[in-house]
Amino acid sequence: MEITKTVATKPQDFIERSTADFTPGVDIATVPQNQDPKTLLFGQPAVPDTDTEPQDDTFKWDGEKNEFYVEVPNGGRLERFAGKTRTEVTKNLVAGKASLNETLAETRKNARSITPDTKLPYDPIQRRQARQLNQQEVYQINELQQTDPVKAQEMAFQARTGYTFEEMAKLGEIAEQNRRELYAAQVASDFVGAHRKDFDPIPSNMALVEGWLRDRQLPVTRNNLEIAFNDLRESSKITAPVQASPKNEQPPQEFTPPPPPVSPPSRPPQGASTVQGSSLSREEVAVIQSGSLNDARSAIQNAFRRNRVGG
């Protein structure tokens, strides 16, 4: 029988795979002395070494900008994140996502709620429908009167009112608490209204008064508020309201308009002896023609006076 011997094929290593298509021999090329080795491949910038990273279509190489980039769809458009390395692109993408998360969180915080509440923030005590006892319940209550009279009374009470003894006690406690808080609010409102000039109802002042009453285990009454206020004011712990300083308003002063400007009189042409319709003398006409402006004004005023007296 003939035996066939099978020989395993040796796997190629990295160097063998990378030089499989090379033609044997050495090509000689002339390279400038100051040439950057990274730009020797067809005169183009060299792609960064990414042998340690697996090939992936997510990161694309932009030869013109010499950078990696990814494009993420965003509302019908592509948002680009770039970097010199894939790691830098990833960091920029993470930073963009973090910024978006902060924006969304702020938007949700300020957004108005459009979902109505279907439940109260506390568990209300549900009242059952009040009803009449049937014959079997009356018989059971009569039997319980002999062994557990409290239980028998509670059964009758629940049927008549719709509440158990515990629920009724809880309702009474809630009603008393509401009554106490309402009274305290009314008393505090009256107190603040009576002390508008010497008590500022800011949170710090209200906390001081409440703390004073709580430390002494005193209820909120009008008298106790007055005592607490006087004690805290004497110890200079209460902040008084800031009084607005009155404005120094001065009475309006009467405004006297200035006299209208007086236009200088126009001088008549040379050779005119008198002005028609006027009573100027020859001397006054000569002053107006050749004298100073003040002398001319005086001559005209004197003529007007004469006309007024004569008329």
C-alpha atoms as a PDB file:
ATOM      1  CA  MET A   1       0.000   0.000   0.000  1.00  0.00           C
ATOM      2  CA  GLU A   2       1.351   3.407  -1.012  1.00  0.00           C
ATOM      3  CA  ILE A   3       1.516   6.050   1.716  1.00  0.00           C
ATOM      4  CA  THR A   4       1.030   9.717   0.701  1.00  0.00           C
ATOM      5  CA  LYS A   5       2.907  12.207   2.818  1.00  0.00           C
ATOM      6  CA  THR A   6       1.212  15.610   3.349  1.00  0.00           C
ATOM      7  CA  VAL A   7       3.404  18.640   4.063  1.00  0.00           C
ATOM      8  CA  ALA A   8       1.831  21.623   5.847  1.00  0.00           C
ATOM      9  CA  THR A   9       2.118  24.990   4.122  1.00  0.00           C
ATOM     10  CA  LYS A  10       4.120  27.535   6.103  1.00  0.00           C
ATOM     11  CA  PRO A  11       2.028  30.640   6.928  1.00  0.00           C
ATOM     12  CA  GLN A  12       3.381  33.894   5.606  1.00  0.00           C
ATOM     13  CA  ASP A  13       4.516  36.469   8.088  1.00  0.00           C
ATOM     14  CA  PHE A  14       4.011  40.245   7.866  1.00  0.00           C
ATOM     15  CA  ILE A  15       7.149  40.892   5.761  1.00  0.00           C
ATOM     16  CA  GLU A  16       6.326  38.122   3.296  1.00  0.00           C
ATOM     17  CA  ARG A  17       2.780  39.385   2.829  1.00  0.00           C
ATOM     18  CA  SER A  18       3.903  42.986   2.364  1.00  0.00           C
ATOM     19  CA  THR A  19       6.580  42.115  -0.229  1.00  0.00           C
ATOM     20  CA  ALA A  20       4.618  39.492  -2.144  1.00  0.00           C
ATOM     21  CA  ASP A  21       3.848  41.854  -5.042  1.00  0.00           C
ATOM     22  CA  PHE A  22       7.281  43.495  -5.163  1.00  0.00           C
ATOM     23  CA  THR A  23       9.568  42.948  -8.186  1.00  0.00           C
ATOM     24  CA  PRO A  24      13.020  41.702  -7.179  1.00  0.00           C
ATOM     25  CA  GLY A  25      15.759  44.242  -7.521  1.00  0.00           C
ATOM     26  CA  VAL A  26      16.595  47.686  -6.281  1.00  0.00           C
ATOM     27  CA  ASP A  27      15.455  50.903  -7.916  1.00  0.00           C
ATOM     28  CA  ILE A  28      17.637  53.943  -7.557  1.00  0.00           C
ATOM     29  CA  ALA A  29      16.016  57.362  -7.287  1.00  0.00           C
ATOM     30  CA  THR A  30      17.457  60.805  -6.754  1.00  0.00           C
ATOM     31  CA  VAL A  31      15.985  62.522  -3.682  1.00  0.00           C
ATOM     32  CA  PRO A  32      16.765  66.057  -2.524  1.00  0.00           C
ATOM     33  CA  GLN A  33      18.882  66.127   0.589  1.00  0.00           C
ATOM     34  CA  ASN A  34      16.393  68.181   2.618  1.00  0.00           C
ATOM     35  CA  GLN A  35      13.341  66.176   1.482  1.00  0.00           C
ATOM     36  CA  ASP A  36      10.987  65.020   4.260  1.00  0.00           C
ATOM     37  CA  PRO A  37      10.896  61.202   4.166  1.00  0.00           C
ATOM     38  CA  LYS A  38       7.188  61.263   5.031  1.00  0.00           C
ATOM     39  CA  THR A  39       6.372  63.006   1.736  1.00  0.00           C
ATOM     40  CA  LEU A  40       8.330  60.729  -0.591  1.00  0.00           C
ATOM     41  CA  LEU A  41       5.285  58.709  -1.734  1.00  0.00           C
ATOM     42  CA  PHE A  42       4.161  60.531  -4.904  1.00  0.00           C
ATOM     43  CA  GLY A  43       4.792  63.863  -3.215  1.00  0.00           C
ATOM     44  CA  GLN A  44       1.737  63.438  -0.913  1.00  0.00           C
ATOM     45  CA  PRO A  45       1.662  63.750   2.891  1.00  0.00           C
ATOM     46  CA  ALA A  46       2.126  60.413   4.574  1.00  0.00           C
ATOM     47  CA  VAL A  47      -0.829  58.842   6.410  1.00  0.00           C
ATOM     48  CA  PRO A  48      -0.074  58.372  10.129  1.00  0.00           C
ATOM     49  CA  ASP A  49       1.004  54.900  11.115  1.00  0.00           C
ATOM     50  CA  THR A  50      -2.112  52.956  12.122  1.00  0.00           C
ATOM     51  CA  ASP A  51      -0.725  49.423  12.008  1.00  0.00           C
ATOM     52  CA  THR A  52      -1.679  48.969  15.666  1.00  0.00           C
ATOM     53  CA  GLU A  53      -5.342  49.805  14.936  1.00  0.00           C
ATOM     54  CA  PRO A  54      -7.674  47.543  12.962  1.00  0.00           C
ATOM     55  CA  GLN A  55      -8.979  48.816   9.646  1.00  0.00           C
ATOM     56  CA  ASP A  56     -12.471  50.276   9.923  1.00  0.00           C
ATOM     57  CA  ASP A  57     -14.729  52.255   7.596  1.00  0.00           C
ATOM     58  CA  THR A  58     -15.956  54.456  10.449  1.00  0.00           C
ATOM     59  CA  PHE A  59     -12.846  56.633  10.376  1.00  0.00           C
ATOM     60  CA  LYS A  60     -12.124  58.202   6.999  1.00  0.00           C
ATOM     61  CA  TRP A  61      -8.935  59.897   5.865  1.00  0.00           C
ATOM     62  CA  ASP A  62      -8.990  63.408   4.369  1.00  0.00           C
ATOM     63  CA  GLY A  63      -5.792  63.788   2.351  1.00  0.00           C
ATOM     64  CA  GLU A  64      -6.302  67.508   1.697  1.00  0.00           C
ATOM     65  CA  LYS A  65      -6.667  68.415   5.364  1.00  0.00           C
ATOM     66  CA  ASN A  66      -4.336  65.653   6.549  1.00  0.00           C
ATOM     67  CA  GLU A  67      -6.773  64.396   9.194  1.00  0.00           C
ATOM     68  CA  PHE A  68      -9.129  61.562  10.090  1.00  0.00           C
ATOM     69  CA  TYR A  69     -12.844  62.280  10.377  1.00  0.00           C
ATOM     70  CA  VAL A  70     -16.216  60.691  11.027  1.00  0.00           C
ATOM     71  CA  GLU A  71     -19.623  61.906   9.891  1.00  0.00           C
ATOM     72  CA  VAL A  72     -22.639  61.520  12.159  1.00  0.00           C
ATOM     73  CA  PRO A  73     -26.200  62.060  10.839  1.00  0.00           C
ATOM     74  CA  ASN A  74     -27.948  64.863  12.722  1.00  0.00           C
ATOM     75  CA  GLY A  75     -31.393  66.014  11.657  1.00  0.00           C
ATOM     76  CA  GLY A  76     -30.976  65.479   7.946  1.00  0.00           C
ATOM     77  CA  ARG A  77     -27.395  66.738   7.846  1.00  0.00           C
ATOM     78  CA  LEU A  78     -23.974  65.267   8.567  1.00  0.00           C
ATOM     79  CA  GLU A  79     -22.026  66.503  11.567  1.00  0.00           C
ATOM     80  CA  ARG A  80     -18.263  66.099  11.165  1.00  0.00           C
ATOM     81  CA  PHE A  81     -15.760  65.301  13.912  1.00  0.00           C
ATOM     82  CA  ALA A  82     -12.085  65.413  12.863  1.00  0.00           C
ATOM     83  CA  GLY A  83      -8.621  64.937  14.327  1.00  0.00           C
ATOM     84  CA  LYS A  84      -5.059  64.143  13.420  1.00  0.00           C
ATOM     85  CA  THR A  85      -5.485  60.615  14.814  1.00  0.00           C
ATOM     86  CA  ARG A  86      -8.406  58.299  15.353  1.00  0.00           C
ATOM     87  CA  THR A  87      -8.008  58.715  19.077  1.00  0.00           C
ATOM     88  CA  GLU A  88      -8.309  62.480  18.721  1.00  0.00           C
ATOM     89  CA  VAL A  89     -11.446  62.043  16.622  1.00  0.00           C
ATOM     90  CA  THR A  90     -12.912  59.804  19.304  1.00  0.00           C
ATOM     91  CA  LYS A  91     -12.136  62.370  22.021  1.00  0.00           C
ATOM     92  CA  ASN A  92     -13.800  65.139  20.013  1.00  0.00           C
ATOM     93  CA  LEU A  93     -16.822  62.918  19.447  1.00  0.00           C
ATOM     94  CA  VAL A  94     -17.088  62.165  23.187  1.00  0.00           C
ATOM     95  CA  ALA A  95     -16.749  65.870  24.044  1.00  0.00           C
ATOM     96  CA  GLY A  96     -19.533  66.707  21.595  1.00  0.00           C
ATOM     97  CA  LYS A  97     -21.763  64.041  23.118  1.00  0.00           C
ATOM     98  CA  ALA A  98     -21.091  65.351  26.634  1.00  0.00           C
ATOM     99  CA  SER A  99     -21.960  68.895  25.554  1.00  0.00           C
ATOM    100  CA  LEU A 100     -25.174  67.635  23.971  1.00  0.00           C
ATOM    101  CA  ASN A 101     -26.111  65.788  27.168  1.00  0.00           C
ATOM    102  CA  GLU A 102     -25.663  68.979  29.213  1.00  0.00           C
ATOM    103  CA  THR A 103     -27.843  70.919  26.782  1.00  0.00           C
ATOM    104  CA  LEU A 104     -30.578  68.262  26.881  1.00  0.00           C
ATOM    105  CA  ALA A 105     -30.476  68.120  30.688  1.00  0.00           C
ATOM    106  CA  GLU A 106     -30.856  71.905  30.921  1.00  0.00           C
ATOM    107  CA  THR A 107     -33.699  71.806  28.407  1.00  0.00           C
ATOM    108  CA  ARG A 108     -35.532  69.113  30.368  1.00  0.00           C
ATOM    109  CA  LYS A 109     -35.010  71.071  33.586  1.00  0.00           C
ATOM    110  CA  ASN A 110     -36.573  74.233  32.163  1.00  0.00           C
ATOM    111  CA  ALA A 111     -39.234  72.462  30.113  1.00  0.00           C
ATOM    112  CA  ARG A 112     -42.825  72.905  31.192  1.00  0.00           C
ATOM    113  CA  SER A 113     -44.509  69.682  32.178  1.00  0.00           C
ATOM    114  CA  ILE A 114     -47.270  68.663  29.783  1.00  0.00           C
ATOM    115  CA  THR A 115     -48.139  65.394  31.523  1.00  0.00           C
ATOM    116  CA  PRO A 116     -51.000  65.820  34.010  1.00  0.00           C
ATOM    117  CA  ASP A 117     -50.734  64.304  37.476  1.00  0.00           C
ATOM    118  CA  THR A 118     -53.053  61.365  38.004  1.00  0.00           C
ATOM    119  CA  LYS A 119     -52.277  60.933  41.717  1.00  0.00           C
ATOM    120  CA  LEU A 120     -51.889  63.168  44.722  1.00  0.00           C
ATOM    121  CA  PRO A 121     -48.420  63.488  46.309  1.00  0.00           C
ATOM    122  CA  TYR A 122     -49.773  61.717  49.392  1.00  0.00           C
ATOM    123  CA  ASP A 123     -52.013  58.711  49.995  1.00  0.00           C
ATOM    124  CA  PRO A 124     -55.513  59.977  50.788  1.00  0.00           C
ATOM    125  CA  ILE A 125     -57.710  58.076  53.186  1.00  0.00           C
ATOM    126  CA  GLN A 126     -60.448  56.503  51.100  1.00  0.00           C
ATOM    127  CA  ARG A 127     -63.926  56.601  52.552  1.00  0.00           C
ATOM    128  CA  ARG A 128     -66.094  53.540  52.018  1.00  0.00           C
ATOM    129  CA  GLN A 129     -69.714  53.777  51.156  1.00  0.00           C
ATOM    130  CA  ALA A 130     -71.858  54.033  54.276  1.00  0.00           C
ATOM    131  CA  ARG A 131     -74.516  51.318  54.445  1.00  0.00           C
ATOM    132  CA  GLN A 132     -77.022  49.551  56.651  1.00  0.00           C
ATOM    133  CA  LEU A 133     -76.082  46.365  58.466  1.00  0.00           C
ATOM    134  CA  ASN A 134     -77.672  43.186  57.190  1.00  0.00           C
ATOM    135  CA  GLN A 135     -79.140  40.510  59.461  1.00  0.00           C
ATOM    136  CA  GLN A 136     -76.026  38.354  59.414  1.00  0.00           C
ATOM    137  CA  GLU A 137     -73.827  41.327  60.442  1.00  0.00           C
ATOM    138  CA  VAL A 138     -76.223  42.269  63.235  1.00  0.00           C
ATOM    139  CA  TYR A 139     -76.074  38.709  64.548  1.00  0.00           C
ATOM    140  CA  GLN A 140     -72.254  38.705  64.300  1.00  0.00           C
ATOM    141  CA  ILE A 141     -72.009  42.012  66.178  1.00  0.00           C
ATOM    142  CA  ASN A 142     -74.293  40.725  68.918  1.00  0.00           C
ATOM    143  CA  GLU A 143     -72.085  37.654  69.282  1.00  0.00           C
ATOM    144  CA  LEU A 144     -68.905  39.812  69.405  1.00  0.00           C
ATOM    145  CA  GLN A 145     -70.394  41.971  72.145  1.00  0.00           C
ATOM    146  CA  GLN A 146     -69.848  39.048  74.500  1.00  0.00           C
ATOM    147  CA  THR A 147     -66.201  38.410  73.551  1.00  0.00           C
ATOM    148  CA  ASP A 148     -64.777  41.552  71.862  1.00  0.00           C
ATOM    149  CA  PRO A 149     -67.027  44.572  72.376  1.00  0.00           C
ATOM    150  CA  VAL A 150     -64.495  46.996  70.782  1.00  0.00           C
ATOM    151  CA  LYS A 151     -64.422  44.957  67.588  1.00  0.00           C
ATOM    152  CA  ALA A 152     -68.211  44.839  67.543  1.00  0.00           C
ATOM    153  CA  GLN A 153     -68.431  48.627  67.925  1.00  0.00           C
ATOM    154  CA  GLU A 154     -65.858  49.148  65.130  1.00  0.00           C
ATOM    155  CA  MET A 155     -67.857  46.958  62.743  1.00  0.00           C
ATOM    156  CA  ALA A 156     -71.003  48.979  63.403  1.00  0.00           C
ATOM    157  CA  PHE A 157     -69.077  52.273  63.208  1.00  0.00           C
ATOM    158  CA  GLN A 158     -67.430  51.376  59.870  1.00  0.00           C
ATOM    159  CA  ALA A 159     -70.747  50.385  58.334  1.00  0.00           C
ATOM    160  CA  ARG A 160     -72.374  53.665  59.408  1.00  0.00           C
ATOM    161  CA  THR A 161     -69.488  56.101  58.600  1.00  0.00           C
ATOM    162  CA  GLY A 162     -67.297  54.289  56.036  1.00  0.00           C
ATOM    163  CA  TYR A 163     -64.176  54.634  58.240  1.00  0.00           C
ATOM    164  CA  THR A 164     -62.418  52.435  60.741  1.00  0.00           C
ATOM    165  CA  PHE A 165     -61.415  53.709  64.194  1.00  0.00           C
ATOM    166  CA  GLU A 166     -57.771  54.093  63.033  1.00  0.00           C
ATOM    167  CA  GLU A 167     -58.747  56.009  59.880  1.00  0.00           C
ATOM    168  CA  MET A 168     -60.997  58.339  61.866  1.00  0.00           C
ATOM    169  CA  ALA A 169     -58.185  58.998  64.348  1.00  0.00           C
ATOM    170  CA  LYS A 170     -55.822  59.784  61.447  1.00  0.00           C
ATOM    171  CA  LEU A 171     -58.334  62.178  59.924  1.00  0.00           C
ATOM    172  CA  GLY A 172     -58.697  63.932  63.244  1.00  0.00           C
ATOM    173  CA  GLU A 173     -54.919  64.290  63.517  1.00  0.00           C
ATOM    174  CA  ILE A 174     -54.667  65.742  60.004  1.00  0.00           C
ATOM    175  CA  ALA A 175     -57.527  68.161  60.665  1.00  0.00           C
ATOM    176  CA  GLU A 176     -55.878  69.370  63.875  1.00  0.00           C
ATOM    177  CA  GLN A 177     -52.547  69.870  62.131  1.00  0.00           C
ATOM    178  CA  ASN A 178     -54.192  71.852  59.330  1.00  0.00           C
ATOM    179  CA  ARG A 179     -56.044  73.953  61.879  1.00  0.00           C
ATOM    180  CA  ARG A 180     -52.830  74.672  63.771  1.00  0.00           C
ATOM    181  CA  GLU A 181     -50.957  75.639  60.593  1.00  0.00           C
ATOM    182  CA  LEU A 182     -53.806  77.850  59.393  1.00  0.00           C
ATOM    183  CA  TYR A 183     -53.946  79.655  62.732  1.00  0.00           C
ATOM    184  CA  ALA A 184     -50.163  80.147  62.725  1.00  0.00           C
ATOM    185  CA  ALA A 185     -50.306  81.587  59.190  1.00  0.00           C
ATOM    186  CA  GLN A 186     -53.070  84.020  60.157  1.00  0.00           C
ATOM    187  CA  VAL A 187     -51.219  85.139  63.296  1.00  0.00           C
ATOM    188  CA  ALA A 188     -47.949  85.588  61.377  1.00  0.00           C
ATOM    189  CA  SER A 189     -49.716  87.624  58.705  1.00  0.00           C
ATOM    190  CA  ASP A 190     -51.246  89.919  61.337  1.00  0.00           C
ATOM    191  CA  PHE A 191     -47.865  90.285  63.051  1.00  0.00           C
ATOM    192  CA  VAL A 192     -46.051  91.204  59.822  1.00  0.00           C
ATOM    193  CA  GLY A 193     -48.773  93.702  58.943  1.00  0.00           C
ATOM    194  CA  ALA A 194     -48.436  95.418  62.332  1.00  0.00           C
ATOM    195  CA  HIS A 195     -44.618  95.650  62.089  1.00  0.00           C
ATOM    196  CA  ARG A 196     -44.086  96.899  58.566  1.00  0.00           C
ATOM    197  CA  LYS A 197     -41.701  99.617  59.743  1.00  0.00           C
ATOM    198  CA  ASP A 198     -39.529  97.612  62.166  1.00  0.00           C
ATOM    199  CA  PHE A 199     -39.645  93.994  60.922  1.00  0.00           C
ATOM    200  CA  ASP A 200     -38.510  92.749  57.540  1.00  0.00           C
ATOM    201  CA  PRO A 201     -40.236  89.398  56.733  1.00  0.00           C
ATOM    202  CA  ILE A 202     -37.224  87.943  54.941  1.00  0.00           C
ATOM    203  CA  PRO A 203     -36.479  84.198  55.325  1.00  0.00           C
ATOM    204  CA  SER A 204     -33.620  84.786  57.796  1.00  0.00           C
ATOM    205  CA  ASN A 205     -35.801  86.868  60.144  1.00  0.00           C
ATOM    206  CA  MET A 206     -38.689  84.396  59.959  1.00  0.00           C
ATOM    207  CA  ALA A 207     -36.288  81.525  60.726  1.00  0.00           C
ATOM    208  CA  LEU A 208     -35.000  83.386  63.799  1.00  0.00           C
ATOM    209  CA  VAL A 209     -38.515  83.850  65.198  1.00  0.00           C
ATOM    210  CA  GLU A 210     -39.501  80.243  64.466  1.00  0.00           C
ATOM    211  CA  GLY A 211     -36.285  78.979  66.063  1.00  0.00           C
ATOM    212  CA  TRP A 212     -36.882  81.120  69.147  1.00  0.00           C
ATOM    213  CA  LEU A 213     -40.342  79.577  69.634  1.00  0.00           C
ATOM    214  CA  ARG A 214     -39.146  76.063  68.856  1.00  0.00           C
ATOM    215  CA  ASP A 215     -36.269  76.213  71.342  1.00  0.00           C
ATOM    216  CA  ARG A 216     -38.709  77.194  74.089  1.00  0.00           C
ATOM    217  CA  GLN A 217     -41.419  74.769  72.904  1.00  0.00           C
ATOM    218  CA  LEU A 218     -43.951  77.587  72.618  1.00  0.00           C
ATOM    219  CA  PRO A 219     -46.890  77.630  70.199  1.00  0.00           C
ATOM    220  CA  VAL A 220     -47.286  80.252  67.503  1.00  0.00           C
ATOM    221  CA  THR A 221     -49.547  82.901  68.990  1.00  0.00           C
ATOM    222  CA  ARG A 222     -49.640  86.654  68.525  1.00  0.00           C
ATOM    223  CA  ASN A 223     -48.379  87.262  72.053  1.00  0.00           C
ATOM    224  CA  ASN A 224     -45.485  84.815  71.644  1.00  0.00           C
ATOM    225  CA  LEU A 225     -44.489  86.405  68.348  1.00  0.00           C
ATOM    226  CA  GLU A 226     -44.320  89.810  69.998  1.00  0.00           C
ATOM    227  CA  ILE A 227     -42.180  88.457  72.844  1.00  0.00           C
ATOM    228  CA  ALA A 228     -39.837  86.687  70.421  1.00  0.00           C
ATOM    229  CA  PHE A 229     -39.544  89.788  68.250  1.00  0.00           C
ATOM    230  CA  ASN A 230     -38.720  92.089  71.186  1.00  0.00           C
ATOM    231  CA  ASP A 231     -36.137  89.663  72.540  1.00  0.00           C
ATOM    232  CA  LEU A 232     -34.432  89.194  69.171  1.00  0.00           C
ATOM    233  CA  ARG A 233     -34.504  92.923  68.440  1.00  0.00           C
ATOM    234  CA  GLU A 234     -32.837  93.738  71.766  1.00  0.00           C
ATOM    235  CA  SER A 235     -30.063  91.278  70.928  1.00  0.00           C
ATOM    236  CA  SER A 236     -29.653  92.914  67.480  1.00  0.00           C
ATOM    237  CA  LYS A 237     -30.381  89.693  65.628  1.00  0.00           C
ATOM    238  CA  ILE A 238     -33.367  90.955  63.686  1.00  0.00           C
ATOM    239  CA  THR A 239     -32.709  92.797  60.445  1.00  0.00           C
ATOM    240  CA  ALA A 240     -34.831  95.907  60.182  1.00  0.00           C
ATOM    241  CA  PRO A 241     -36.292  96.888  56.827  1.00  0.00           C
ATOM    242  CA  VAL A 242     -34.356  99.420  54.815  1.00  0.00           C
ATOM    243  CA  GLN A 243     -36.235 102.683  54.820  1.00  0.00           C
ATOM    244  CA  ALA A 244     -36.237 104.425  51.480  1.00  0.00           C
ATOM    245  CA  SER A 245     -34.720 107.891  51.857  1.00  0.00           C
ATOM    246  CA  PRO A 246     -37.159 110.598  50.745  1.00  0.00           C
ATOM    247  CA  LYS A 247     -36.091 112.422  47.665  1.00  0.00           C
ATOM    248  CA  ASN A 248     -35.183 116.068  48.133  1.00  0.00           C
ATOM    249  CA  GLU A 249     -37.808 117.473  45.902  1.00  0.00           C
ATOM    250  CA  GLN A 250     -37.463 121.209  45.326  1.00  0.00           C
ATOM    251  CA  PRO A 251     -40.474 123.279  44.345  1.00  0.00           C
ATOM    252  CA  PRO A 252     -40.467 124.207  40.700  1.00  0.00           C
ATOM    253  CA  GLN A 253     -38.854 127.561  40.101  1.00  0.00           C
ATOM    254  CA  GLU A 254     -40.603 130.152  38.019  1.00  0.00           C
ATOM    255  CA  PHE A 255     -38.988 130.552  34.678  1.00  0.00           C
ATOM    256  CA  THR A 256     -38.649 134.049  33.345  1.00  0.00           C
ATOM    257  CA  PRO A 257     -38.077 133.993  29.610  1.00  0.00           C
ATOM    258  CA  PRO A 258     -35.289 136.253  28.356  1.00  0.00           C
ATOM    259  CA  PRO A 259     -36.285 139.420  26.513  1.00  0.00           C
ATOM    260  CA  PRO A 260     -36.555 139.074  22.762  1.00  0.00           C
ATOM    261  CA  PRO A 261     -33.429 140.104  20.858  1.00  0.00           C
ATOM    262  CA  VAL A 262     -33.372 143.660  19.536  1.00  0.00           C
ATOM    263  CA  SER A 263     -32.347 143.902  15.941  1.00  0.00           C
ATOM    264  CA  PRO A 264     -30.086 146.829  15.102  1.00  0.00           C
ATOM    265  CA  PRO A 265     -31.842 149.477  13.062  1.00  0.00           C
ATOM    266  CA  SER A 266     -31.095 149.561   9.402  1.00  0.00           C
ATOM    267  CA  ARG A 267     -29.339 152.686   8.327  1.00  0.00           C
ATOM    268  CA  PRO A 268     -30.920 154.777   5.604  1.00  0.00           C
ATOM    269  CA  PRO A 269     -28.898 155.456   2.472  1.00  0.00           C
ATOM    270  CA  GLN A 270     -26.519 158.355   2.346  1.00  0.00           C
ATOM    271  CA  GLY A 271     -28.097 161.679   1.443  1.00  0.00           C
ATOM    272  CA  ALA A 272     -31.513 160.954   2.942  1.00  0.00           C
ATOM    273  CA  SER A 273     -32.420 163.918   5.130  1.00  0.00           C
ATOM    274  CA  THR A 274     -35.566 162.619   6.748  1.00  0.00           C
ATOM    275  CA  VAL A 275     -37.484 159.367   6.979  1.00  0.00           C
ATOM    276  CA  GLN A 276     -41.034 159.552   5.711  1.00  0.00           C
ATOM    277  CA  GLY A 277     -43.612 159.017   8.404  1.00  0.00           C
ATOM    278  CA  SER A 278     -41.135 159.643  11.231  1.00  0.00           C
ATOM    279  CA  SER A 279     -40.261 162.652  13.385  1.00  0.00           C
ATOM    280  CA  LEU A 280     -36.498 162.319  13.318  1.00  0.00           C
ATOM    281  CA  SER A 281     -34.573 165.529  13.290  1.00  0.00           C
ATOM    282  CA  ARG A 282     -31.642 166.135  11.042  1.00  0.00           C
ATOM    283  CA  GLU A 283     -29.241 165.677  13.961  1.00  0.00           C
ATOM    284  CA  GLU A 284     -30.788 162.302  14.803  1.00  0.00           C
ATOM    285  CA  VAL A 285     -30.617 161.238  11.171  1.00  0.00           C
ATOM    286  CA  ALA A 286     -26.955 162.226  11.090  1.00  0.00           C
ATOM    287  CA  VAL A 287     -26.302 160.226  14.259  1.00  0.00           C
ATOM    288  CA  ILE A 288     -28.028 157.200  12.776  1.00  0.00           C
ATOM    289  CA  GLN A 289     -26.053 157.472   9.568  1.00  0.00           C
ATOM    290  CA  SER A 290     -22.596 158.126  10.933  1.00  0.00           C
ATOM    291  CA  GLY A 291     -22.704 157.557  14.666  1.00  0.00           C
ATOM    292  CA  SER A 292     -22.112 154.419  16.697  1.00  0.00           C
ATOM    293  CA  LEU A 293     -24.680 151.696  17.104  1.00  0.00           C
ATOM    294  CA  ASN A 294     -25.511 152.724  20.665  1.00  0.00           C
ATOM    295  CA  ASP A 295     -25.954 156.390  19.649  1.00  0.00           C
ATOM    296  CA  ALA A 296     -28.215 155.343  16.785  1.00  0.00           C
ATOM    297  CA  ARG A 297     -30.333 153.177  19.121  1.00  0.00           C
ATOM    298  CA  SER A 298     -30.641 156.069  21.592  1.00  0.00           C
ATOM    299  CA  ALA A 299     -31.721 158.471  18.841  1.00  0.00           C
ATOM    300  CA  ILE A 300     -34.434 156.111  17.661  1.00  0.00           C
ATOM    301  CA  GLN A 301     -35.713 155.512  21.211  1.00  0.00           C
ATOM    302  CA  ASN A 302     -35.873 159.276  21.845  1.00  0.00           C
ATOM    303  CA  ALA A 303     -37.906 159.734  18.683  1.00  0.00           C
ATOM    304  CA  PHE A 304     -40.335 157.013  19.733  1.00  0.00           C
ATOM    305  CA  ARG A 305     -40.779 158.648  23.133  1.00  0.00           C
ATOM    306  CA  ARG A 306     -41.563 161.978  21.532  1.00  0.00           C
ATOM    307  CA  ASN A 307     -44.126 160.412  19.236  1.00  0.00           C
ATOM    308  CA  ARG A 308     -45.756 158.602  22.183  1.00  0.00           C
ATOM    309  CA  VAL A 309     -45.944 161.774  24.265  1.00  0.00           C
ATOM    310  CA  GLY A 310     -47.097 163.853  21.364  1.00  0.00           C
ATOM    311  CA  GLY A 311     -49.793 161.339  20.419  1.00  0.00           C
END
